């Protein structure tokens, strides 16, 4: 799905038609895929990770790092590509990250873990993103 596509679904029913049941559960209902189950956990391919729902560019592959947490991890996002929302679900205080373009759930951001120089980990569901591989 290209980012220049201007028509995004306006209802959850329209999203349900566009996305697979698993994609809908994660992207539109803030679900989480099982750890180590996602297609991008161990991917090292160069390219751009885009929102699976709307195609917006989110994470260059060189922002990705191996956090050993079971989900793809990035130390930052493209400026303005994601928005952060306080998440108090499941008896925890976390920061949810959503696509700034279509408001789809991506995962959560964690700070202060000292895993990267930026001290930030965007923990993202593989079902929330799609890799556009770099072409030679």
N, C-alpha and C. Protein backbone atom coordinates (compact mmCIF):
# COMPACT_ATOMS: atom_id res chain seq x y z
N UNK A 1 0.84 -1.17 0.00
CA UNK A 1 0.00 0.00 0.00
C UNK A 1 0.89 1.23 0.00
N UNK A 2 0.70 2.12 -0.91
CA UNK A 2 1.57 3.28 -1.03
C UNK A 2 1.13 4.40 -0.10
N UNK A 3 2.13 5.17 0.36
CA UNK A 3 1.82 6.27 1.26
C UNK A 3 1.09 7.40 0.54
N UNK A 4 1.14 7.43 -0.79
CA UNK A 4 0.45 8.49 -1.50
C UNK A 4 -1.04 8.19 -1.68
N UNK A 5 -1.46 7.02 -1.22
CA UNK A 5 -2.88 6.69 -1.24
C UNK A 5 -3.59 7.59 -0.24
N UNK A 6 -4.57 8.35 -0.72
CA UNK A 6 -5.18 9.35 0.14
C UNK A 6 -6.41 8.85 0.88
N UNK A 7 -7.05 7.81 0.38
CA UNK A 7 -8.27 7.34 0.99
C UNK A 7 -7.98 6.27 2.04
N UNK A 8 -8.19 6.62 3.29
CA UNK A 8 -8.06 5.66 4.38
C UNK A 8 -9.45 5.30 4.87
N UNK A 9 -9.62 4.08 5.36
CA UNK A 9 -10.92 3.73 5.94
C UNK A 9 -11.31 4.73 7.03
N UNK A 10 -12.60 4.98 7.13
CA UNK A 10 -13.09 5.90 8.16
C UNK A 10 -13.84 5.18 9.27
N UNK A 11 -14.14 3.90 9.07
CA UNK A 11 -14.83 3.13 10.10
C UNK A 11 -14.03 1.86 10.40
N UNK A 12 -14.26 1.31 11.55
CA UNK A 12 -13.57 0.06 11.91
C UNK A 12 -14.03 -1.08 10.98
N UNK A 13 -15.27 -1.04 10.52
CA UNK A 13 -15.74 -2.07 9.58
C UNK A 13 -14.95 -2.00 8.28
N UNK A 14 -14.64 -0.80 7.80
CA UNK A 14 -13.83 -0.66 6.59
C UNK A 14 -12.42 -1.19 6.82
N UNK A 15 -11.86 -0.94 8.02
CA UNK A 15 -10.54 -1.49 8.34
C UNK A 15 -10.61 -3.02 8.38
N UNK A 16 -11.68 -3.55 8.92
CA UNK A 16 -11.84 -5.01 9.04
C UNK A 16 -11.82 -5.67 7.65
N UNK A 17 -12.37 -4.99 6.65
CA UNK A 17 -12.38 -5.51 5.29
C UNK A 17 -10.96 -5.43 4.69
N UNK A 18 -10.23 -4.38 4.99
CA UNK A 18 -8.91 -4.16 4.40
C UNK A 18 -7.84 -5.06 5.01
N UNK A 19 -7.95 -5.37 6.29
CA UNK A 19 -6.91 -6.10 7.02
C UNK A 19 -7.31 -7.55 7.26
N UNK A 20 -6.31 -8.40 7.44
CA UNK A 20 -6.59 -9.79 7.84
C UNK A 20 -7.10 -9.77 9.28
N UNK A 21 -7.74 -10.84 9.75
CA UNK A 21 -8.21 -10.86 11.14
C UNK A 21 -7.08 -10.61 12.16
N UNK A 22 -5.90 -11.20 11.96
CA UNK A 22 -4.79 -10.98 12.89
C UNK A 22 -4.28 -9.54 12.82
N UNK A 23 -4.17 -9.00 11.61
CA UNK A 23 -3.76 -7.60 11.46
C UNK A 23 -4.76 -6.67 12.14
N UNK A 24 -6.04 -6.93 11.95
CA UNK A 24 -7.07 -6.09 12.57
C UNK A 24 -6.96 -6.13 14.09
N UNK A 25 -6.77 -7.32 14.65
CA UNK A 25 -6.67 -7.47 16.11
C UNK A 25 -5.51 -6.65 16.66
N UNK A 26 -4.38 -6.67 15.98
CA UNK A 26 -3.21 -5.93 16.47
C UNK A 26 -3.31 -4.44 16.13
N UNK A 27 -3.52 -4.13 14.87
CA UNK A 27 -3.49 -2.74 14.42
C UNK A 27 -4.67 -1.90 14.93
N UNK A 28 -5.85 -2.45 14.95
CA UNK A 28 -7.03 -1.65 15.27
C UNK A 28 -7.57 -1.90 16.68
N UNK A 29 -7.19 -3.05 17.29
CA UNK A 29 -7.68 -3.36 18.63
C UNK A 29 -6.54 -3.40 19.65
N UNK A 30 -5.36 -2.92 19.25
CA UNK A 30 -4.19 -2.84 20.13
C UNK A 30 -3.80 -4.20 20.72
N UNK A 31 -3.93 -5.23 19.89
CA UNK A 31 -3.50 -6.56 20.32
C UNK A 31 -1.98 -6.69 20.25
N UNK A 32 -1.50 -7.85 20.68
CA UNK A 32 -0.07 -8.14 20.65
C UNK A 32 0.13 -9.53 20.09
N UNK A 33 1.08 -9.66 19.18
CA UNK A 33 1.40 -10.99 18.68
C UNK A 33 2.30 -11.69 19.70
N UNK A 34 2.31 -12.99 19.67
CA UNK A 34 3.13 -13.76 20.60
C UNK A 34 4.61 -13.46 20.38
N UNK A 35 5.40 -13.40 21.46
CA UNK A 35 6.83 -13.15 21.29
C UNK A 35 7.47 -14.22 20.42
N UNK A 36 8.47 -13.79 19.65
CA UNK A 36 9.26 -14.64 18.75
C UNK A 36 8.45 -15.21 17.60
N UNK A 37 7.20 -14.78 17.40
CA UNK A 37 6.37 -15.33 16.34
C UNK A 37 6.33 -14.46 15.09
N UNK A 38 6.73 -13.22 15.18
CA UNK A 38 6.60 -12.29 14.06
C UNK A 38 7.66 -12.46 13.00
N UNK A 39 7.29 -12.13 11.77
CA UNK A 39 8.20 -12.34 10.64
C UNK A 39 9.42 -11.43 10.66
N UNK A 40 9.41 -10.33 11.41
CA UNK A 40 10.54 -9.39 11.37
C UNK A 40 11.42 -9.42 12.62
N UNK A 41 11.21 -10.35 13.53
CA UNK A 41 12.00 -10.39 14.77
C UNK A 41 13.50 -10.44 14.46
N UNK A 42 13.90 -11.31 13.56
CA UNK A 42 15.33 -11.52 13.28
C UNK A 42 15.76 -10.97 11.92
N UNK A 43 14.91 -10.24 11.24
CA UNK A 43 15.22 -9.75 9.89
C UNK A 43 16.35 -8.71 9.93
N UNK A 44 17.29 -8.88 9.01
CA UNK A 44 18.42 -7.94 8.88
C UNK A 44 18.39 -7.23 7.52
N UNK A 45 17.36 -7.47 6.72
CA UNK A 45 17.25 -6.89 5.38
C UNK A 45 17.17 -5.36 5.47
N UNK A 46 17.92 -4.69 4.59
CA UNK A 46 17.88 -3.23 4.54
C UNK A 46 16.62 -2.76 3.83
N UNK A 47 16.10 -1.64 4.29
CA UNK A 47 14.91 -1.06 3.67
C UNK A 47 14.18 -0.15 4.64
N UNK A 48 12.91 0.05 4.37
CA UNK A 48 12.07 0.92 5.19
C UNK A 48 10.90 0.11 5.73
N UNK A 49 10.70 0.17 7.04
CA UNK A 49 9.54 -0.45 7.65
C UNK A 49 8.40 0.56 7.61
N UNK A 50 7.27 0.11 7.05
CA UNK A 50 6.10 0.97 6.87
C UNK A 50 4.93 0.44 7.68
N UNK A 51 3.98 1.30 7.96
CA UNK A 51 2.75 0.88 8.62
C UNK A 51 2.03 -0.10 7.71
N UNK A 52 1.68 -1.26 8.24
CA UNK A 52 1.00 -2.28 7.43
C UNK A 52 -0.41 -1.83 7.06
N UNK A 53 -1.00 -0.94 7.84
CA UNK A 53 -2.37 -0.50 7.57
C UNK A 53 -2.43 0.57 6.48
N UNK A 54 -1.52 1.55 6.51
CA UNK A 54 -1.65 2.68 5.58
C UNK A 54 -0.43 2.91 4.70
N UNK A 55 0.68 2.23 4.97
CA UNK A 55 1.87 2.38 4.14
C UNK A 55 2.78 3.52 4.51
N UNK A 56 2.49 4.25 5.58
CA UNK A 56 3.35 5.36 5.98
C UNK A 56 4.72 4.85 6.42
N UNK A 57 5.78 5.54 6.00
CA UNK A 57 7.13 5.18 6.41
C UNK A 57 7.29 5.45 7.90
N UNK A 58 7.82 4.46 8.64
CA UNK A 58 7.96 4.58 10.10
C UNK A 58 9.41 4.44 10.57
N UNK A 59 10.09 3.37 10.14
CA UNK A 59 11.40 3.03 10.68
C UNK A 59 12.37 2.61 9.58
N UNK A 60 13.46 3.35 9.37
CA UNK A 60 14.51 2.84 8.48
C UNK A 60 15.14 1.60 9.12
N UNK A 61 15.57 0.66 8.30
CA UNK A 61 16.12 -0.59 8.84
C UNK A 61 17.36 -0.36 9.70
N UNK A 62 18.10 0.71 9.47
CA UNK A 62 19.29 0.93 10.29
C UNK A 62 18.95 1.42 11.70
N UNK A 63 17.66 1.68 11.99
CA UNK A 63 17.22 1.99 13.35
C UNK A 63 16.90 0.72 14.14
N UNK A 64 16.87 -0.42 13.44
CA UNK A 64 16.50 -1.70 14.07
C UNK A 64 17.70 -2.28 14.82
N UNK A 65 17.43 -2.87 15.96
CA UNK A 65 18.48 -3.55 16.72
C UNK A 65 17.91 -4.78 17.39
N UNK A 66 18.79 -5.67 17.79
CA UNK A 66 18.39 -6.93 18.42
C UNK A 66 18.31 -6.72 19.93
N UNK A 67 17.10 -6.65 20.45
CA UNK A 67 16.90 -6.41 21.88
C UNK A 67 16.66 -7.71 22.65
N UNK A 68 16.51 -8.82 21.94
CA UNK A 68 16.25 -10.13 22.56
C UNK A 68 14.95 -10.14 23.36
N UNK A 69 13.95 -9.33 22.91
CA UNK A 69 12.68 -9.26 23.64
C UNK A 69 11.57 -10.05 22.96
N UNK A 70 11.81 -10.52 21.72
CA UNK A 70 10.79 -11.30 21.03
C UNK A 70 9.99 -10.54 20.01
N UNK A 71 10.23 -9.24 19.88
CA UNK A 71 9.55 -8.40 18.88
C UNK A 71 10.60 -7.54 18.19
N UNK A 72 10.33 -7.09 16.98
CA UNK A 72 11.25 -6.16 16.34
C UNK A 72 11.41 -4.90 17.20
N UNK A 73 12.64 -4.43 17.31
CA UNK A 73 12.92 -3.26 18.14
C UNK A 73 13.68 -2.22 17.33
N UNK A 74 13.32 -0.98 17.53
CA UNK A 74 13.94 0.15 16.84
C UNK A 74 14.30 1.19 17.90
N UNK A 75 15.43 1.89 17.71
CA UNK A 75 15.81 2.87 18.72
C UNK A 75 15.18 4.25 18.48
N UNK A 76 14.41 4.38 17.41
CA UNK A 76 13.72 5.64 17.13
C UNK A 76 12.79 5.42 15.95
N UNK A 77 11.97 6.41 15.67
CA UNK A 77 11.10 6.41 14.49
C UNK A 77 11.44 7.64 13.66
N UNK A 78 10.99 7.66 12.43
CA UNK A 78 11.11 8.87 11.63
C UNK A 78 10.36 9.98 12.36
N UNK A 79 10.96 11.18 12.48
CA UNK A 79 10.28 12.26 13.21
C UNK A 79 8.85 12.49 12.69
N UNK A 80 7.91 12.49 13.61
CA UNK A 80 6.51 12.73 13.29
C UNK A 80 5.74 11.53 12.79
N UNK A 81 6.41 10.37 12.62
CA UNK A 81 5.74 9.19 12.06
C UNK A 81 4.88 8.44 13.06
N UNK A 82 5.22 8.53 14.35
CA UNK A 82 4.44 7.84 15.37
C UNK A 82 4.00 8.84 16.43
N UNK A 83 2.91 8.49 17.09
CA UNK A 83 2.48 9.30 18.23
C UNK A 83 2.45 8.40 19.45
N UNK A 84 2.65 9.01 20.59
CA UNK A 84 2.71 8.28 21.85
C UNK A 84 1.47 8.57 22.68
N UNK A 85 0.94 7.50 23.31
CA UNK A 85 -0.27 7.60 24.12
C UNK A 85 -0.03 6.85 25.42
N UNK A 86 -0.39 7.45 26.54
CA UNK A 86 -0.27 6.75 27.82
C UNK A 86 -1.19 5.54 27.81
N UNK A 87 -0.67 4.40 28.26
CA UNK A 87 -1.41 3.14 28.26
C UNK A 87 -1.39 2.57 29.67
N UNK A 88 -2.57 2.48 30.28
CA UNK A 88 -2.69 1.98 31.66
C UNK A 88 -3.31 0.59 31.71
N UNK A 89 -3.37 -0.09 30.56
CA UNK A 89 -3.99 -1.42 30.50
C UNK A 89 -3.13 -2.46 31.20
N UNK A 90 -3.74 -3.53 31.59
CA UNK A 90 -3.07 -4.70 32.18
C UNK A 90 -2.32 -4.38 33.47
N UNK A 91 -2.79 -3.37 34.19
CA UNK A 91 -2.18 -3.03 35.48
C UNK A 91 -0.78 -2.45 35.38
N UNK A 92 -0.41 -1.95 34.20
CA UNK A 92 0.91 -1.37 33.99
C UNK A 92 0.77 0.06 33.48
N UNK A 93 1.85 0.81 33.59
CA UNK A 93 1.92 2.12 32.97
C UNK A 93 2.96 2.00 31.87
N UNK A 94 2.49 2.11 30.62
CA UNK A 94 3.37 2.02 29.47
C UNK A 94 3.03 3.16 28.51
N UNK A 95 3.83 3.29 27.48
CA UNK A 95 3.57 4.27 26.44
C UNK A 95 3.33 3.54 25.13
N UNK A 96 2.10 3.61 24.66
CA UNK A 96 1.73 2.98 23.40
C UNK A 96 2.22 3.85 22.25
N UNK A 97 2.60 3.21 21.15
CA UNK A 97 2.94 3.95 19.95
C UNK A 97 1.95 3.58 18.85
N UNK A 98 1.50 4.62 18.15
CA UNK A 98 0.54 4.46 17.07
C UNK A 98 1.04 5.19 15.83
N UNK A 99 0.63 4.72 14.67
CA UNK A 99 0.95 5.40 13.43
C UNK A 99 0.30 6.79 13.45
N UNK A 100 1.08 7.82 13.19
CA UNK A 100 0.55 9.18 13.20
C UNK A 100 -0.40 9.41 12.04
N UNK A 101 -0.29 8.64 10.97
CA UNK A 101 -1.15 8.85 9.80
C UNK A 101 -2.53 8.21 9.96
N UNK A 102 -2.57 6.95 10.42
CA UNK A 102 -3.86 6.24 10.44
C UNK A 102 -4.30 5.82 11.84
N UNK A 103 -3.50 6.13 12.86
CA UNK A 103 -3.84 5.84 14.25
C UNK A 103 -3.87 4.34 14.56
N UNK A 104 -3.15 3.54 13.80
CA UNK A 104 -3.09 2.10 14.07
C UNK A 104 -2.03 1.80 15.12
N UNK A 105 -2.31 0.82 15.96
CA UNK A 105 -1.42 0.38 17.03
C UNK A 105 -0.16 -0.27 16.44
N UNK A 106 0.99 0.16 16.94
CA UNK A 106 2.26 -0.43 16.51
C UNK A 106 2.87 -1.29 17.61
N UNK A 107 2.83 -0.80 18.83
CA UNK A 107 3.44 -1.49 19.96
C UNK A 107 3.60 -0.52 21.11
N UNK A 108 4.77 -0.58 21.78
CA UNK A 108 5.05 0.30 22.92
C UNK A 108 6.48 0.79 22.85
N UNK A 109 6.73 1.93 23.46
CA UNK A 109 8.08 2.48 23.52
C UNK A 109 8.54 2.44 24.98
N UNK A 110 9.79 2.05 25.16
CA UNK A 110 10.39 1.96 26.49
C UNK A 110 11.66 2.79 26.51
N UNK A 111 11.86 3.49 27.58
CA UNK A 111 13.05 4.33 27.73
C UNK A 111 13.79 3.95 29.00
N UNK A 112 15.09 4.22 29.01
CA UNK A 112 15.88 3.99 30.21
C UNK A 112 16.42 2.59 30.37
N UNK A 113 16.42 1.80 29.30
CA UNK A 113 16.90 0.42 29.39
C UNK A 113 18.38 0.30 29.04
N UNK A 114 18.97 1.35 28.53
CA UNK A 114 20.40 1.41 28.17
C UNK A 114 20.79 0.37 27.13
N UNK A 115 19.91 0.11 26.16
CA UNK A 115 20.21 -0.84 25.09
C UNK A 115 20.86 -0.17 23.88
N UNK A 116 20.61 1.13 23.71
CA UNK A 116 21.16 1.87 22.57
C UNK A 116 21.65 3.23 23.06
N UNK A 117 22.37 3.92 22.21
CA UNK A 117 22.85 5.26 22.55
C UNK A 117 21.68 6.22 22.79
N UNK A 118 20.56 5.99 22.11
CA UNK A 118 19.38 6.84 22.30
C UNK A 118 18.58 6.44 23.53
N UNK A 119 18.91 5.28 24.13
CA UNK A 119 18.27 4.82 25.36
C UNK A 119 16.76 4.64 25.19
N UNK A 120 16.37 4.22 23.99
CA UNK A 120 14.96 4.06 23.64
C UNK A 120 14.77 2.76 22.88
N UNK A 121 13.65 2.09 23.14
CA UNK A 121 13.30 0.87 22.40
C UNK A 121 11.84 0.93 21.98
N UNK A 122 11.62 1.04 20.68
CA UNK A 122 10.28 0.92 20.13
C UNK A 122 10.07 -0.57 19.89
N UNK A 123 9.23 -1.18 20.69
CA UNK A 123 8.92 -2.61 20.62
C UNK A 123 7.67 -2.74 19.76
N UNK A 124 7.84 -3.26 18.52
CA UNK A 124 6.80 -3.18 17.50
C UNK A 124 6.36 -4.58 17.08
N UNK A 125 5.07 -4.77 16.93
CA UNK A 125 4.53 -6.02 16.40
C UNK A 125 4.87 -6.15 14.92
N UNK A 126 5.34 -7.31 14.50
CA UNK A 126 5.59 -7.54 13.06
C UNK A 126 4.31 -7.36 12.26
N UNK A 127 3.16 -7.71 12.84
CA UNK A 127 1.88 -7.55 12.14
C UNK A 127 1.52 -6.09 11.91
N UNK A 128 2.20 -5.16 12.58
CA UNK A 128 1.92 -3.74 12.43
C UNK A 128 2.76 -3.08 11.35
N UNK A 129 3.78 -3.78 10.88
CA UNK A 129 4.70 -3.18 9.93
C UNK A 129 4.90 -4.07 8.72
N UNK A 130 5.41 -3.47 7.66
CA UNK A 130 5.76 -4.20 6.44
C UNK A 130 7.07 -3.63 5.94
N UNK A 131 8.02 -4.50 5.62
CA UNK A 131 9.32 -4.07 5.15
C UNK A 131 9.29 -3.85 3.64
N UNK A 132 9.68 -2.66 3.23
CA UNK A 132 9.91 -2.36 1.82
C UNK A 132 11.41 -2.47 1.62
N UNK A 133 11.89 -3.59 1.05
CA UNK A 133 13.33 -3.82 0.95
C UNK A 133 14.01 -2.79 0.05
N UNK A 134 15.23 -2.46 0.41
CA UNK A 134 16.04 -1.54 -0.37
C UNK A 134 16.45 -2.26 -1.65
N UNK A 135 16.30 -1.58 -2.77
CA UNK A 135 16.71 -2.16 -4.05
C UNK A 135 18.06 -1.62 -4.43
N UNK A 136 18.86 -2.46 -5.06
CA UNK A 136 20.23 -2.08 -5.42
C UNK A 136 20.25 -1.10 -6.56
